[in-house]
Protein backbone atom coordinates (compact mmCIF):
# COMPACT_ATOMS: atom_id res chain seq x y z
CA MET A 1 -33.72 5.64 72.79
CA THR A 2 -31.72 2.49 72.08
CA ASP A 3 -31.26 1.52 68.42
CA THR A 4 -32.33 -2.13 68.14
CA SER A 5 -31.93 -2.45 64.35
CA SER A 6 -29.46 -5.08 63.13
CA PRO A 7 -26.25 -3.79 61.55
CA GLN A 8 -25.36 -4.84 58.00
CA PRO A 9 -23.28 -8.06 58.33
CA ALA A 10 -19.62 -7.65 57.43
CA LYS A 11 -19.62 -11.09 55.80
CA ALA A 12 -22.26 -13.08 53.97
CA TRP A 13 -22.06 -15.65 56.76
CA SER A 14 -21.22 -13.45 59.77
CA GLY A 15 -24.59 -13.73 61.53
CA ARG A 16 -23.42 -16.98 63.14
CA PHE A 17 -20.28 -15.46 64.68
CA SER A 18 -19.69 -13.27 67.71
CA GLU A 19 -16.45 -11.69 66.53
CA PRO A 20 -14.90 -10.86 63.19
CA VAL A 21 -11.95 -12.78 61.78
CA SER A 22 -8.56 -11.25 62.37
CA ASP A 23 -6.75 -9.38 59.62
CA LEU A 24 -4.21 -12.18 59.44
CA VAL A 25 -6.92 -14.82 58.95
CA LYS A 26 -8.64 -12.58 56.43
CA ARG A 27 -5.47 -12.39 54.34
CA TYR A 28 -4.74 -16.09 54.80
CA THR A 29 -8.16 -17.30 53.72
CA ALA A 30 -8.99 -14.81 50.97
CA SER A 31 -8.74 -15.98 47.38
CA VAL A 32 -9.86 -12.88 45.48
CA SER A 33 -6.31 -12.00 44.49
CA PHE A 34 -6.21 -15.00 42.16
CA ASP A 35 -9.78 -16.21 41.62
CA GLN A 36 -10.91 -12.84 40.23
CA ARG A 37 -9.70 -14.12 36.87
CA MET A 38 -12.86 -16.27 36.85
CA ALA A 39 -15.08 -13.17 36.98
CA ARG A 40 -16.35 -13.57 33.43
CA GLN A 41 -17.29 -17.19 34.11
CA ASP A 42 -18.85 -16.27 37.46
CA ILE A 43 -21.11 -13.73 35.76
CA ARG A 44 -22.08 -16.20 33.04
CA GLY A 45 -22.97 -18.84 35.62
CA SER A 46 -24.92 -16.38 37.76
CA LEU A 47 -26.96 -15.12 34.81
CA ALA A 48 -27.88 -18.66 33.77
CA HIS A 49 -28.85 -19.44 37.37
CA ALA A 50 -30.97 -16.27 37.59
CA ARG A 51 -32.77 -17.08 34.33
CA MET A 52 -33.56 -20.54 35.65
CA LEU A 53 -34.87 -19.10 38.96
CA ALA A 54 -37.18 -16.72 37.06
CA ARG A 55 -38.30 -19.46 34.67
CA GLN A 56 -39.21 -21.65 37.65
CA GLY A 57 -41.04 -18.81 39.42
CA ILE A 58 -38.53 -18.74 42.29
CA ILE A 59 -37.69 -15.07 41.64
CA SER A 60 -39.70 -12.50 39.72
CA ASP A 61 -39.14 -11.37 36.16
CA GLN A 62 -38.33 -7.92 37.57
CA ASP A 63 -35.64 -9.44 39.79
CA LEU A 64 -34.16 -11.12 36.72
CA ALA A 65 -34.19 -7.88 34.75
CA ASP A 66 -32.47 -6.06 37.63
CA ILE A 67 -29.85 -8.81 37.95
CA GLU A 68 -29.11 -8.74 34.22
CA ARG A 69 -28.85 -4.96 34.26
CA GLY A 70 -26.52 -4.98 37.26
CA MET A 71 -24.33 -7.75 35.86
CA ALA A 72 -23.91 -5.82 32.62
CA VAL A 73 -22.59 -2.85 34.60
CA ILE A 74 -20.23 -5.11 36.59
CA ALA A 75 -18.93 -6.80 33.45
CA GLU A 76 -18.13 -3.41 31.94
CA GLU A 77 -16.39 -2.26 35.13
CA ILE A 78 -14.24 -5.39 35.15
CA GLU A 79 -13.46 -5.04 31.46
CA ARG A 80 -12.33 -1.44 31.96
CA GLY A 81 -10.29 -2.35 35.05
CA GLU A 82 -12.49 -0.14 37.25
CA PHE A 83 -14.02 -2.83 39.47
CA ALA A 84 -13.00 -2.36 43.11
CA TRP A 85 -11.91 -5.79 44.33
CA SER A 86 -12.01 -6.08 48.12
CA LEU A 87 -10.11 -8.47 50.37
CA ASP A 88 -12.95 -8.10 52.90
CA ASP A 89 -15.25 -9.90 50.49
CA GLU A 90 -12.97 -12.95 50.32
CA ASP A 91 -13.46 -14.17 46.77
CA VAL A 92 -14.69 -13.36 43.29
CA HIS A 93 -18.20 -14.58 44.07
CA LEU A 94 -18.86 -12.36 47.09
CA ASN A 95 -17.18 -9.37 45.48
CA ILE A 96 -19.52 -9.56 42.51
CA GLU A 97 -22.58 -10.30 44.64
CA LYS A 98 -21.88 -7.35 46.93
CA ARG A 99 -21.46 -4.99 44.00
CA LEU A 100 -24.64 -6.36 42.39
CA THR A 101 -26.60 -5.75 45.58
CA ALA A 102 -25.26 -2.20 45.76
CA LEU A 103 -26.45 -1.64 42.19
CA VAL A 104 -29.88 -3.33 42.21
CA GLY A 105 -30.81 -3.85 45.86
CA ASP A 106 -32.82 -6.88 47.00
CA ALA A 107 -32.70 -8.56 43.58
CA GLY A 108 -28.98 -8.97 44.12
CA LYS A 109 -29.63 -10.66 47.46
CA ARG A 110 -32.05 -13.10 45.83
CA LEU A 111 -29.52 -14.28 43.24
CA HIS A 112 -27.96 -16.80 45.62
CA THR A 113 -31.26 -18.60 46.16
CA GLY A 114 -30.89 -22.32 45.57
CA ARG A 115 -27.13 -22.38 45.28
CA SER A 116 -23.99 -22.36 47.42
CA ARG A 117 -20.52 -21.04 46.85
CA ASN A 118 -19.55 -24.71 46.74
CA ASP A 119 -21.42 -25.50 43.53
CA GLN A 120 -20.85 -21.96 42.27
CA VAL A 121 -17.06 -22.21 42.38
CA ALA A 122 -17.11 -25.73 40.96
CA THR A 123 -19.11 -24.39 38.02
CA ASP A 124 -16.85 -21.38 37.53
CA ILE A 125 -13.73 -23.54 37.47
CA ARG A 126 -15.24 -25.87 34.89
CA LEU A 127 -16.32 -22.95 32.70
CA TRP A 128 -12.86 -21.38 32.99
CA LEU A 129 -11.05 -24.64 32.30
CA ARG A 130 -13.27 -25.42 29.33
CA ASP A 131 -12.25 -22.08 27.79
CA ALA A 132 -8.58 -22.81 28.57
CA ILE A 133 -8.75 -26.26 26.94
CA ASP A 134 -10.24 -24.76 23.79
CA GLN A 135 -7.34 -22.31 23.66
CA VAL A 136 -4.80 -25.08 24.24
CA LEU A 137 -6.29 -27.19 21.44
CA ALA A 138 -6.18 -24.27 19.00
CA LEU A 139 -2.51 -23.62 19.86
CA ILE A 140 -1.59 -27.29 19.48
CA ARG A 141 -3.06 -27.15 15.98
CA GLU A 142 -0.99 -24.06 15.17
CA PHE A 143 2.16 -25.77 16.45
CA GLN A 144 1.34 -28.89 14.45
CA ALA A 145 0.72 -26.96 11.23
CA ASN A 146 4.13 -25.28 11.47
CA LEU A 147 5.81 -28.56 12.39
CA LEU A 148 4.28 -30.23 9.33
CA ASP A 149 5.58 -27.47 7.07
CA LEU A 150 9.11 -28.04 8.35
CA ALA A 151 8.78 -31.83 8.15
CA GLU A 152 7.61 -31.69 4.54
CA GLN A 153 10.45 -29.34 3.62
CA HIS A 154 12.94 -31.87 5.00
CA ALA A 155 11.18 -35.13 4.09
CA ALA A 156 14.35 -36.27 2.30
CA THR A 157 17.04 -34.56 4.42
CA PRO A 158 19.14 -37.39 5.93
CA MET A 159 20.36 -37.34 9.49
CA PRO A 160 21.48 -39.94 12.03
CA GLY A 161 18.80 -41.67 14.03
CA PHE A 162 20.08 -42.27 17.54
CA THR A 163 19.64 -44.80 20.30
CA HIS A 164 21.54 -44.25 23.55
CA LEU A 165 22.72 -41.00 21.86
CA GLN A 166 24.81 -43.20 19.58
CA VAL A 167 24.42 -43.19 15.79
CA ALA A 168 22.03 -46.03 14.95
CA GLN A 169 20.50 -45.84 11.46
CA PRO A 170 19.79 -43.14 8.87
CA VAL A 171 16.47 -41.34 9.13
CA THR A 172 15.26 -38.10 7.62
CA PHE A 173 14.84 -34.90 9.56
CA GLY A 174 11.23 -34.81 8.42
CA HIS A 175 10.65 -38.28 9.85
CA HIS A 176 12.25 -37.19 13.12
CA LEU A 177 9.94 -34.17 13.34
CA MET A 178 6.89 -36.31 12.58
CA ALA A 179 7.60 -38.26 15.75
CA TYR A 180 6.84 -35.06 17.66
CA TYR A 181 3.73 -34.50 15.57
CA GLU A 182 2.47 -37.91 16.69
CA MET A 183 3.17 -37.01 20.31
CA SER A 184 1.28 -33.75 19.92
CA ARG A 185 -1.63 -35.58 18.27
CA ARG A 186 -2.01 -37.78 21.34
CA ASP A 187 -1.69 -34.68 23.53
CA ALA A 188 -4.58 -33.08 21.65
CA GLU A 189 -6.64 -36.25 22.05
CA ARG A 190 -6.04 -36.21 25.81
CA PHE A 191 -7.12 -32.58 26.17
CA ALA A 192 -10.20 -33.16 24.03
CA ASP A 193 -11.10 -36.21 26.08
CA CYS A 194 -10.50 -34.31 29.32
CA ARG A 195 -12.87 -31.60 28.08
CA LYS A 196 -15.72 -34.12 27.98
CA ARG A 197 -15.41 -34.70 31.72
CA VAL A 198 -14.89 -31.01 32.46
CA ASN A 199 -18.10 -30.19 30.61
CA ARG A 200 -20.53 -31.42 33.27
CA LEU A 201 -22.57 -28.98 35.34
CA PRO A 202 -22.21 -28.96 39.16
CA LEU A 203 -24.63 -26.04 39.70
CA GLY A 204 -27.76 -27.17 41.51
CA SER A 205 -25.81 -29.35 43.93
CA ALA A 206 -25.83 -26.42 46.39
CA ALA A 207 -23.60 -26.94 49.43
CA LEU A 208 -23.54 -30.75 49.22
CA ALA A 209 -27.05 -32.25 49.25
CA GLY A 210 -28.90 -30.42 46.48
CA THR A 211 -31.67 -27.89 47.17
CA SER A 212 -35.34 -27.93 48.14
CA TYR A 213 -36.21 -25.31 45.51
CA PRO A 214 -37.82 -26.56 42.27
CA ILE A 215 -34.77 -25.91 40.11
CA ASP A 216 -34.15 -27.03 36.52
CA ARG A 217 -30.52 -28.08 36.22
CA GLU A 218 -30.86 -29.25 32.62
CA PHE A 219 -31.98 -25.76 31.61
CA VAL A 220 -28.88 -24.23 33.21
CA ALA A 221 -26.70 -26.83 31.51
CA ARG A 222 -28.13 -25.87 28.12
CA GLU A 223 -27.70 -22.17 28.86
CA LEU A 224 -24.02 -22.67 29.69
CA GLY A 225 -23.22 -25.22 26.99
CA PHE A 226 -22.62 -28.17 29.32
CA ASP A 227 -23.14 -31.64 27.90
CA GLU A 228 -24.80 -32.98 31.04
CA VAL A 229 -25.25 -32.37 34.76
CA CYS A 230 -23.16 -33.95 37.50
CA ALA A 231 -25.13 -36.92 38.76
CA ASN A 232 -24.26 -36.76 42.46
CA SER A 233 -24.29 -33.57 44.52
CA LEU A 234 -21.59 -34.69 46.96
CA ASP A 235 -19.21 -35.58 44.15
CA ALA A 236 -20.06 -32.46 42.14
CA VAL A 237 -18.95 -29.97 44.79
CA SER A 238 -15.98 -31.82 46.23
CA ASP A 239 -13.89 -33.53 43.57
CA ARG A 240 -11.34 -31.85 41.36
CA ASP A 241 -10.31 -34.86 39.32
CA PHE A 242 -11.10 -32.96 36.12
CA ALA A 243 -8.48 -30.35 37.08
CA ILE A 244 -6.00 -33.10 37.95
CA GLU A 245 -6.69 -34.74 34.59
CA PHE A 246 -6.01 -31.45 32.82
CA CYS A 247 -2.71 -31.06 34.68
CA ALA A 248 -1.77 -34.65 33.82
CA ALA A 249 -2.41 -33.97 30.12
CA ALA A 250 -0.44 -30.73 30.46
CA SER A 251 2.47 -32.57 32.09
CA LEU A 252 2.64 -35.03 29.19
CA LEU A 253 2.48 -32.21 26.65
CA MET A 254 5.26 -30.33 28.42
CA THR A 255 7.31 -33.53 28.66
CA HIS A 256 7.08 -33.93 24.89
CA LEU A 257 8.04 -30.31 24.30
CA SER A 258 10.86 -30.70 26.82
CA ARG A 259 12.23 -33.64 24.84
CA LEU A 260 12.13 -31.59 21.63
CA SER A 261 13.74 -28.70 23.50
CA GLU A 262 16.56 -30.96 24.65
CA GLU A 263 17.19 -31.98 21.04
CA LEU A 264 17.14 -28.40 19.78
CA ILE A 265 19.67 -27.49 22.47
CA LEU A 266 21.94 -30.39 21.50
CA TRP A 267 21.53 -29.80 17.77
CA MET A 268 22.35 -26.10 18.14
CA SER A 269 25.60 -26.79 19.99
CA PRO A 270 28.66 -26.15 17.77
CA ARG A 271 29.80 -29.67 18.67
CA VAL A 272 26.77 -30.98 16.75
CA GLY A 273 25.75 -28.08 14.54
CA PHE A 274 22.61 -29.60 13.01
CA ILE A 275 20.46 -26.46 13.31
CA ASP A 276 20.43 -22.81 14.20
CA LEU A 277 17.60 -20.99 15.95
CA ALA A 278 16.37 -17.54 15.00
CA ASP A 279 17.93 -14.82 17.13
CA ARG A 280 14.58 -13.83 18.66
CA PHE A 281 14.56 -17.09 20.63
CA CYS A 282 18.10 -16.77 21.96
CA THR A 283 20.12 -14.52 24.24
CA GLY A 284 23.76 -13.63 24.64
CA SER A 285 26.20 -13.62 27.51
CA SER A 286 27.04 -10.68 29.72
CA ILE A 287 30.73 -11.63 29.60
CA MET A 288 31.31 -13.84 26.53
CA PRO A 289 30.55 -11.86 23.35
CA GLN A 290 30.50 -14.92 21.08
CA LYS A 291 27.65 -16.72 22.87
CA LYS A 292 24.23 -17.41 21.39
CA ASN A 293 22.28 -19.32 24.02
CA PRO A 294 19.07 -21.27 23.28
CA ASP A 295 17.28 -19.77 26.27
CA VAL A 296 13.72 -20.44 25.11
CA PRO A 297 14.03 -24.23 24.73
CA GLU A 298 16.05 -24.32 27.95
CA LEU A 299 13.26 -22.51 29.76
CA VAL A 300 10.63 -24.83 28.26
CA ARG A 301 12.67 -27.71 29.66
CA GLY A 302 12.71 -25.98 33.05
CA LYS A 303 9.03 -25.05 33.08
CA THR A 304 8.15 -28.70 32.58
CA GLY A 305 9.16 -29.26 36.20
CA ARG A 306 6.85 -26.44 37.23
CA VAL A 307 3.87 -28.06 35.49
CA ASN A 308 4.74 -31.48 36.90
CA GLY A 309 4.86 -29.88 40.34
CA SER A 310 1.35 -28.48 39.92
CA LEU A 311 0.07 -31.96 39.09
CA ILE A 312 1.61 -33.34 42.26
CA SER A 313 0.18 -30.42 44.26
CA LEU A 314 -3.36 -31.18 43.13
CA LEU A 315 -3.00 -34.92 43.67
CA THR A 316 -1.72 -34.27 47.17
CA LEU A 317 -4.45 -31.70 47.81
CA MET A 318 -7.19 -34.24 47.12
CA LYS A 319 -5.77 -37.42 48.58
CA GLY A 320 -6.93 -36.96 52.17
CA GLN A 321 -10.21 -35.10 51.79
CA PRO A 322 -13.41 -36.66 53.12
CA LEU A 323 -16.70 -35.82 51.40
CA ALA A 324 -17.86 -33.22 50.71
CA TYR A 325 -16.37 -29.74 50.16
CA ASN A 326 -13.42 -28.65 52.30
CA LYS A 327 -11.54 -25.36 52.42
CA ASP A 328 -8.48 -27.22 51.15
CA ASN A 329 -9.99 -26.88 47.69
CA GLN A 330 -9.26 -23.17 47.67
CA GLU A 331 -5.72 -24.33 46.88
CA ASP A 332 -6.81 -25.91 43.60
CA LYS A 333 -6.87 -22.71 41.57
CA GLU A 334 -3.33 -21.37 41.62
CA PRO A 335 -1.69 -24.62 40.39
CA LEU A 336 -4.41 -25.01 37.76
CA PHE A 337 -4.17 -21.41 36.58
CA ASP A 338 -0.38 -21.53 36.49
CA THR A 339 -0.42 -24.79 34.53
CA ALA A 340 -2.81 -23.41 31.93
CA ASP A 341 -0.84 -20.17 31.63
CA THR A 342 2.46 -22.03 31.25
CA VAL A 343 1.13 -24.44 28.63
CA ILE A 344 -0.58 -21.69 26.62
CA ASP A 345 2.51 -19.45 26.65
CA THR A 346 4.79 -22.38 25.79
CA LEU A 347 2.66 -23.50 22.85
CA ARG A 348 2.33 -19.97 21.55
CA ILE A 349 6.09 -19.42 21.54
CA TYR A 350 6.88 -22.93 20.26
CA ALA A 351 4.59 -22.52 17.25
CA ASP A 352 6.66 -19.47 16.30
CA MET A 353 10.00 -21.03 17.22
CA VAL A 354 9.48 -23.95 14.82
CA THR A 355 9.36 -21.45 11.96
CA GLY A 356 12.73 -20.08 13.11
CA ILE A 357 14.65 -23.37 12.82
CA ARG A 358 17.36 -23.26 10.14
CA VAL A 359 18.54 -26.75 9.20
CA LYS A 360 22.21 -27.40 8.43
CA ALA A 361 21.70 -30.36 6.10
CA GLU A 362 25.38 -30.96 5.33
CA ALA A 363 26.25 -31.27 9.00
CA MET A 364 23.44 -33.80 9.44
CA ARG A 365 24.68 -35.85 6.49
CA GLY A 366 28.28 -35.61 7.66
CA ALA A 367 27.36 -37.08 11.03
CA LEU A 368 26.09 -40.22 9.30
CA SER A 369 29.67 -41.14 8.35
CA GLN A 370 30.75 -41.24 11.98
CA GLY A 371 28.78 -44.18 13.33
CA TYR A 372 28.47 -46.92 10.68
CA ALA A 373 24.82 -46.00 10.21
CA THR A 374 24.23 -48.49 7.38
CA ALA A 375 25.59 -51.53 9.27
CA THR A 376 22.08 -52.89 9.85
CA ASP A 377 21.37 -52.51 6.13
CA LEU A 378 24.42 -54.67 5.37
CA ALA A 379 23.18 -57.33 7.81
CA ASP A 380 19.71 -57.27 6.21
CA TYR A 381 21.37 -57.57 2.78
CA LEU A 382 23.16 -60.75 3.85
CA VAL A 383 19.95 -62.21 5.31
CA LYS A 384 18.20 -61.61 1.98
CA LYS A 385 21.09 -63.53 0.36
CA GLY A 386 20.27 -66.53 2.57
CA LEU A 387 22.48 -66.06 5.65
CA PRO A 388 20.74 -66.53 9.05
CA PHE A 389 20.33 -63.18 10.81
CA ARG A 390 22.58 -64.04 13.77
CA ASP A 391 25.37 -65.06 11.39
CA ALA A 392 24.84 -61.90 9.36
CA HIS A 393 24.97 -59.84 12.56
CA GLU A 394 28.29 -61.46 13.47
CA ALA A 395 29.79 -60.89 10.03
CA VAL A 396 28.87 -57.20 9.98
CA ALA A 397 30.11 -56.72 13.55
CA ARG A 398 33.53 -58.00 12.41
CA ALA A 399 33.42 -55.62 9.47
CA VAL A 400 32.67 -52.70 11.76
CA ARG A 401 35.51 -53.66 14.10
CA GLU A 402 37.88 -53.74 11.13
CA ALA A 403 36.61 -50.36 9.90
CA GLU A 404 37.21 -48.87 13.33
CA THR A 405 40.78 -50.17 13.23
CA ARG A 406 41.37 -48.63 9.80
CA GLY A 407 39.51 -45.42 10.62
CA CYS A 408 37.14 -45.74 7.66
CA ASP A 409 33.43 -46.31 6.99
CA LEU A 410 31.83 -49.47 5.55
CA PRO A 411 31.32 -48.03 2.04
CA ASP A 412 35.09 -47.35 1.93
CA PHE A 413 35.85 -51.11 1.75
CA SER A 414 36.46 -52.66 -1.64
CA LEU A 415 34.25 -55.49 -2.88
CA ASP A 416 36.96 -58.04 -2.15
CA GLU A 417 37.46 -56.68 1.36
CA LEU A 418 33.72 -56.98 2.07
CA ARG A 419 33.68 -60.52 0.70
CA ALA A 420 36.28 -61.43 3.32
CA PHE A 421 33.51 -61.05 5.90
CA SER A 422 30.97 -63.04 3.83
CA PRO A 423 31.27 -64.66 0.40
CA LEU A 424 27.61 -63.78 -0.21
CA VAL A 425 28.50 -60.12 -0.80
CA GLY A 426 27.96 -59.11 -4.42
CA GLU A 427 28.46 -56.02 -6.54
CA ASP A 428 24.99 -54.76 -5.57
CA VAL A 429 26.12 -54.27 -1.98
CA PHE A 430 27.20 -50.66 -2.43
CA ALA A 431 23.65 -49.54 -3.24
CA VAL A 432 22.68 -50.92 0.15
CA LEU A 433 25.47 -49.08 1.94
CA THR A 434 24.42 -45.62 0.72
CA VAL A 435 22.35 -43.35 2.92
CA GLU A 436 19.73 -42.86 0.21
CA GLY A 437 19.44 -46.61 -0.31
CA SER A 438 18.97 -47.16 3.40
CA LEU A 439 16.26 -44.50 3.60
CA ALA A 440 14.43 -45.69 0.50
CA SER A 441 14.32 -49.28 1.76
CA ARG A 442 12.14 -48.32 4.74
CA ASN A 443 9.20 -47.74 2.43
CA HIS A 444 6.20 -48.73 4.56
CA VAL A 445 3.70 -46.89 6.75
CA GLY A 446 5.63 -45.41 9.66
CA GLY A 447 8.97 -45.84 7.89
CA THR A 448 11.55 -43.15 7.22
CA ALA A 449 11.52 -43.34 3.41
CA PRO A 450 10.98 -39.81 2.05
CA GLU A 451 7.91 -41.05 0.17
CA GLN A 452 6.40 -42.26 3.46
CA VAL A 453 7.28 -39.04 5.27
CA ARG A 454 5.45 -37.00 2.65
CA ALA A 455 2.47 -39.33 2.89
CA ALA A 456 2.43 -38.98 6.68
CA VAL A 457 2.49 -35.19 6.36
CA ALA A 458 -0.42 -35.33 3.89
CA ARG A 459 -2.47 -37.52 6.25
CA ALA A 460 -1.73 -35.20 9.14
CA ARG A 461 -2.76 -32.12 7.16
CA ALA A 462 -6.00 -33.79 6.18
CA ALA A 463 -6.70 -34.61 9.83
CA LEU A 464 -6.06 -30.99 10.85
CA GLY A 465 -8.53 -29.82 8.20
């Protein structure tokens, strides 16, 4: 007697096909090796969907109970590292669904009612990215808190401020560090703003057109903590601009940390000698026993290119896609995951590294004598005495040229020698030419006066809470 029963399909969609995919295609198209990290989010989304289906009478209460029981078992298996991930089941979604069906039978098969993998994966990515953003924001705050501690400690420690890597004017090290706090504050604002657009629910859009089942998308949004639902089903399943926006914010954050890394590397060089880094952030040389290399900031500088590359990958991925979902979007996850991992690891190590910076204050002060750092103060002094600024600029430029010829600094001139450049110079000029006088004169919001640096730190601490 011939067996006319239908065999169990090898794939969730295989009924349409007359032959299985080749092993090569199976390996090429599978994503389970990297998207399994969204398993926790996939289970959360599936449970919220199942509760909505039962609430709407689309599946029975018994089906819901079976699904919840099976998902609890799967979550424990994944947590213990005992879940058997299969390449044959393509992705995280089908792996979990197949295991659920094996555990609870037909209830597992009913879970996918009213949804598609298209809106399912879009939901999972948003849930995962929302969690990642929350972690990034917490780590930025930790980095900022440690940066503020160091800035307050050195609110009055003078150092050269540079333009074009040439000594420009005196600033304090605390003021210099607060520039990076301001950058990180904007970074945090960008991630928080990005989170608002991430936190919209695609589920219910199904494959591309919505579903004919009487679903309640707002209920699912509340269950999962989304602020609102995506308003258009085609857009909801196909765009990844929220992931691109996250990578753009990450690229800016890494750019800021790369700039700070570059300065730490320069400052640590014996030719500059402004700081030293704790040994735990440095390595030695396999051949030169004297070396102490700032490997961590160097690697942060290098990893910035990696994050920038992920941004370009996602932009390029999306640029030619017609509506709606396309398989191209499988390639969205690895750049996004790698970006989040890199940013999180970098922030975690940077928060610690800031606490391991030892400042060499005398070297910073000594560098101020090498570039006529108070020349602008002398020009401003002459302007306050009544000389037009352009004339004051010219007079001080001649004084600097003469100092270069003599191999001395401006405060080394006598009063009579300074008067040779302008008769307006008085005995009070030497207070202007000191580093402390220069710093104290910039006593306004955003200025480098120690008083203002301490006030900026206090405002920042209050904002952090």
